[in-house]
Amino acid sequence: MDWLIWGGAALSVLGLIGLVWCIVTVMRARKAGLDDEAMRAVMQRVLPRNLGSLFLSVIGLMMVIVGISFS
């Protein structure tokens, strides 16, 4: 079950990298002083990636827990 643990850890790290990317993107948009419409467009583009990254992190952590439980 080591492969499940390491695979889950890798998936969690990928999700974490995605979440950090989303945070940086929104912070750059806020610092740019965009108007309301442009900010909404940035948020609409970032939201699905944010949810996908969160999903990857959760699935990865589940894989780690299952791998630890079975080994």
N, C-alpha and C. Protein backbone atom coordinates (compact mmCIF):
# COMPACT_ATOMS: atom_id res chain seq x y z
N MET A 1 0.80 -1.21 0.00
CA MET A 1 0.00 0.00 0.00
C MET A 1 0.84 1.28 0.00
N ASP A 2 2.15 1.10 -0.11
CA ASP A 2 3.00 2.30 -0.16
C ASP A 2 2.70 3.16 -1.36
N TRP A 3 2.38 2.54 -2.48
CA TRP A 3 2.09 3.30 -3.69
C TRP A 3 0.85 4.17 -3.50
N LEU A 4 -0.12 3.68 -2.70
CA LEU A 4 -1.34 4.46 -2.45
C LEU A 4 -1.03 5.68 -1.58
N ILE A 5 -0.16 5.47 -0.60
CA ILE A 5 0.21 6.57 0.29
C ILE A 5 0.98 7.64 -0.48
N TRP A 6 2.00 7.22 -1.24
CA TRP A 6 2.82 8.19 -1.98
C TRP A 6 2.04 8.84 -3.12
N GLY A 7 1.18 8.07 -3.76
CA GLY A 7 0.33 8.66 -4.81
C GLY A 7 -0.63 9.70 -4.24
N GLY A 8 -1.21 9.38 -3.09
CA GLY A 8 -2.10 10.34 -2.43
C GLY A 8 -1.37 11.59 -1.98
N ALA A 9 -0.15 11.40 -1.49
CA ALA A 9 0.64 12.56 -1.08
C ALA A 9 0.97 13.44 -2.28
N ALA A 10 1.30 12.81 -3.39
CA ALA A 10 1.60 13.59 -4.61
C ALA A 10 0.36 14.34 -5.09
N LEU A 11 -0.79 13.69 -5.03
CA LEU A 11 -2.04 14.35 -5.43
C LEU A 11 -2.35 15.53 -4.51
N SER A 12 -2.12 15.35 -3.23
CA SER A 12 -2.36 16.44 -2.27
C SER A 12 -1.43 17.62 -2.54
N VAL A 13 -0.18 17.34 -2.87
CA VAL A 13 0.76 18.41 -3.17
C VAL A 13 0.34 19.15 -4.44
N LEU A 14 -0.11 18.42 -5.46
CA LEU A 14 -0.60 19.07 -6.67
C LEU A 14 -1.80 19.97 -6.37
N GLY A 15 -2.70 19.48 -5.54
CA GLY A 15 -3.85 20.30 -5.15
C GLY A 15 -3.42 21.54 -4.38
N LEU A 16 -2.44 21.39 -3.51
CA LEU A 16 -1.95 22.53 -2.75
C LEU A 16 -1.29 23.56 -3.66
N ILE A 17 -0.54 23.09 -4.64
CA ILE A 17 0.07 24.01 -5.61
C ILE A 17 -1.02 24.77 -6.38
N GLY A 18 -2.08 24.07 -6.74
CA GLY A 18 -3.20 24.71 -7.43
C GLY A 18 -3.88 25.76 -6.56
N LEU A 19 -4.04 25.46 -5.28
CA LEU A 19 -4.67 26.43 -4.38
C LEU A 19 -3.80 27.67 -4.21
N VAL A 20 -2.50 27.48 -4.11
CA VAL A 20 -1.59 28.63 -4.00
C VAL A 20 -1.64 29.46 -5.28
N TRP A 21 -1.71 28.78 -6.43
CA TRP A 21 -1.83 29.50 -7.70
C TRP A 21 -3.09 30.36 -7.73
N CYS A 22 -4.20 29.81 -7.23
CA CYS A 22 -5.45 30.57 -7.20
C CYS A 22 -5.33 31.79 -6.30
N ILE A 23 -4.71 31.63 -5.15
CA ILE A 23 -4.53 32.74 -4.23
C ILE A 23 -3.68 33.83 -4.86
N VAL A 24 -2.59 33.44 -5.49
CA VAL A 24 -1.70 34.42 -6.12
C VAL A 24 -2.40 35.15 -7.25
N THR A 25 -3.19 34.42 -8.04
CA THR A 25 -3.90 35.04 -9.16
C THR A 25 -4.89 36.10 -8.67
N VAL A 26 -5.64 35.77 -7.64
CA VAL A 26 -6.63 36.72 -7.11
C VAL A 26 -5.94 37.91 -6.45
N MET A 27 -4.83 37.66 -5.75
CA MET A 27 -4.11 38.77 -5.13
C MET A 27 -3.55 39.74 -6.18
N ARG A 28 -3.05 39.18 -7.27
CA ARG A 28 -2.55 40.04 -8.36
C ARG A 28 -3.68 40.87 -8.96
N ALA A 29 -4.84 40.25 -9.11
CA ALA A 29 -5.98 40.97 -9.67
C ALA A 29 -6.43 42.08 -8.72
N ARG A 30 -6.40 41.82 -7.42
CA ARG A 30 -6.79 42.86 -6.47
C ARG A 30 -5.80 44.02 -6.47
N LYS A 31 -4.51 43.69 -6.55
CA LYS A 31 -3.50 44.74 -6.56
C LYS A 31 -3.53 45.56 -7.84
N ALA A 32 -4.01 44.95 -8.92
CA ALA A 32 -4.08 45.66 -10.20
C ALA A 32 -5.18 46.71 -10.20
N GLY A 33 -6.09 46.65 -9.23
CA GLY A 33 -7.14 47.64 -9.15
C GLY A 33 -8.14 47.55 -10.29
N LEU A 34 -8.50 46.34 -10.64
CA LEU A 34 -9.43 46.14 -11.75
C LEU A 34 -10.82 46.64 -11.40
N ASP A 35 -11.58 46.99 -12.41
CA ASP A 35 -12.96 47.38 -12.17
C ASP A 35 -13.79 46.13 -11.85
N ASP A 36 -15.04 46.33 -11.52
CA ASP A 36 -15.90 45.25 -11.04
C ASP A 36 -16.06 44.13 -12.08
N GLU A 37 -16.26 44.51 -13.32
CA GLU A 37 -16.47 43.50 -14.38
C GLU A 37 -15.22 42.67 -14.61
N ALA A 38 -14.08 43.32 -14.64
CA ALA A 38 -12.83 42.59 -14.86
C ALA A 38 -12.52 41.67 -13.68
N MET A 39 -12.81 42.15 -12.47
CA MET A 39 -12.59 41.32 -11.29
C MET A 39 -13.51 40.10 -11.30
N ARG A 40 -14.75 40.30 -11.71
CA ARG A 40 -15.68 39.17 -11.82
C ARG A 40 -15.18 38.15 -12.85
N ALA A 41 -14.63 38.63 -13.94
CA ALA A 41 -14.11 37.72 -14.97
C ALA A 41 -12.93 36.91 -14.42
N VAL A 42 -12.07 37.54 -13.66
CA VAL A 42 -10.95 36.82 -13.05
C VAL A 42 -11.47 35.78 -12.07
N MET A 43 -12.42 36.17 -11.26
CA MET A 43 -12.97 35.24 -10.25
C MET A 43 -13.70 34.07 -10.92
N GLN A 44 -14.41 34.34 -12.00
CA GLN A 44 -15.09 33.26 -12.71
C GLN A 44 -14.11 32.29 -13.33
N ARG A 45 -12.96 32.77 -13.73
CA ARG A 45 -11.94 31.90 -14.31
C ARG A 45 -11.21 31.11 -13.23
N VAL A 46 -11.04 31.68 -12.04
CA VAL A 46 -10.29 31.04 -10.97
C VAL A 46 -11.14 30.04 -10.18
N LEU A 47 -12.41 30.30 -10.03
CA LEU A 47 -13.26 29.47 -9.18
C LEU A 47 -13.26 27.99 -9.55
N PRO A 48 -13.43 27.60 -10.82
CA PRO A 48 -13.40 26.16 -11.13
C PRO A 48 -12.04 25.52 -10.84
N ARG A 49 -10.97 26.26 -11.07
CA ARG A 49 -9.64 25.74 -10.77
C ARG A 49 -9.44 25.59 -9.28
N ASN A 50 -9.99 26.52 -8.52
CA ASN A 50 -9.91 26.45 -7.07
C ASN A 50 -10.64 25.21 -6.55
N LEU A 51 -11.84 24.99 -7.04
CA LEU A 51 -12.60 23.81 -6.62
C LEU A 51 -11.92 22.52 -7.06
N GLY A 52 -11.35 22.51 -8.26
CA GLY A 52 -10.63 21.33 -8.73
C GLY A 52 -9.41 21.04 -7.88
N SER A 53 -8.69 22.07 -7.49
CA SER A 53 -7.51 21.90 -6.64
C SER A 53 -7.90 21.39 -5.27
N LEU A 54 -8.98 21.92 -4.74
CA LEU A 54 -9.47 21.45 -3.45
C LEU A 54 -9.89 19.99 -3.53
N PHE A 55 -10.53 19.62 -4.63
CA PHE A 55 -10.94 18.23 -4.84
C PHE A 55 -9.72 17.31 -4.90
N LEU A 56 -8.69 17.72 -5.63
CA LEU A 56 -7.46 16.92 -5.70
C LEU A 56 -6.84 16.73 -4.33
N SER A 57 -6.80 17.78 -3.55
CA SER A 57 -6.23 17.69 -2.21
C SER A 57 -7.02 16.72 -1.33
N VAL A 58 -8.32 16.81 -1.39
CA VAL A 58 -9.16 15.94 -0.56
C VAL A 58 -9.01 14.48 -1.00
N ILE A 59 -9.04 14.23 -2.29
CA ILE A 59 -8.88 12.86 -2.79
C ILE A 59 -7.52 12.32 -2.41
N GLY A 60 -6.49 13.14 -2.52
CA GLY A 60 -5.15 12.72 -2.14
C GLY A 60 -5.06 12.37 -0.67
N LEU A 61 -5.66 13.18 0.18
CA LEU A 61 -5.63 12.89 1.61
C LEU A 61 -6.44 11.62 1.93
N MET A 62 -7.53 11.40 1.22
CA MET A 62 -8.29 10.16 1.40
C MET A 62 -7.44 8.96 1.01
N MET A 63 -6.70 9.09 -0.08
CA MET A 63 -5.83 7.99 -0.51
C MET A 63 -4.76 7.70 0.54
N VAL A 64 -4.20 8.72 1.14
CA VAL A 64 -3.21 8.53 2.19
C VAL A 64 -3.81 7.81 3.39
N ILE A 65 -5.00 8.22 3.80
CA ILE A 65 -5.65 7.60 4.94
C ILE A 65 -5.99 6.15 4.66
N VAL A 66 -6.50 5.86 3.46
CA VAL A 66 -6.82 4.48 3.11
C VAL A 66 -5.54 3.65 3.04
N GLY A 67 -4.49 4.20 2.47
CA GLY A 67 -3.22 3.48 2.40
C GLY A 67 -2.65 3.17 3.77
N ILE A 68 -2.74 4.11 4.68
CA ILE A 68 -2.26 3.88 6.05
C ILE A 68 -3.13 2.84 6.74
N SER A 69 -4.42 2.91 6.53
CA SER A 69 -5.34 1.97 7.17
C SER A 69 -5.11 0.53 6.70
N PHE A 70 -4.80 0.35 5.42
CA PHE A 70 -4.65 -0.99 4.87
C PHE A 70 -3.24 -1.56 5.06
N SER A 71 -2.29 -0.72 5.42
CA SER A 71 -0.94 -1.26 5.57
C SER A 71 -0.59 -1.57 7.01
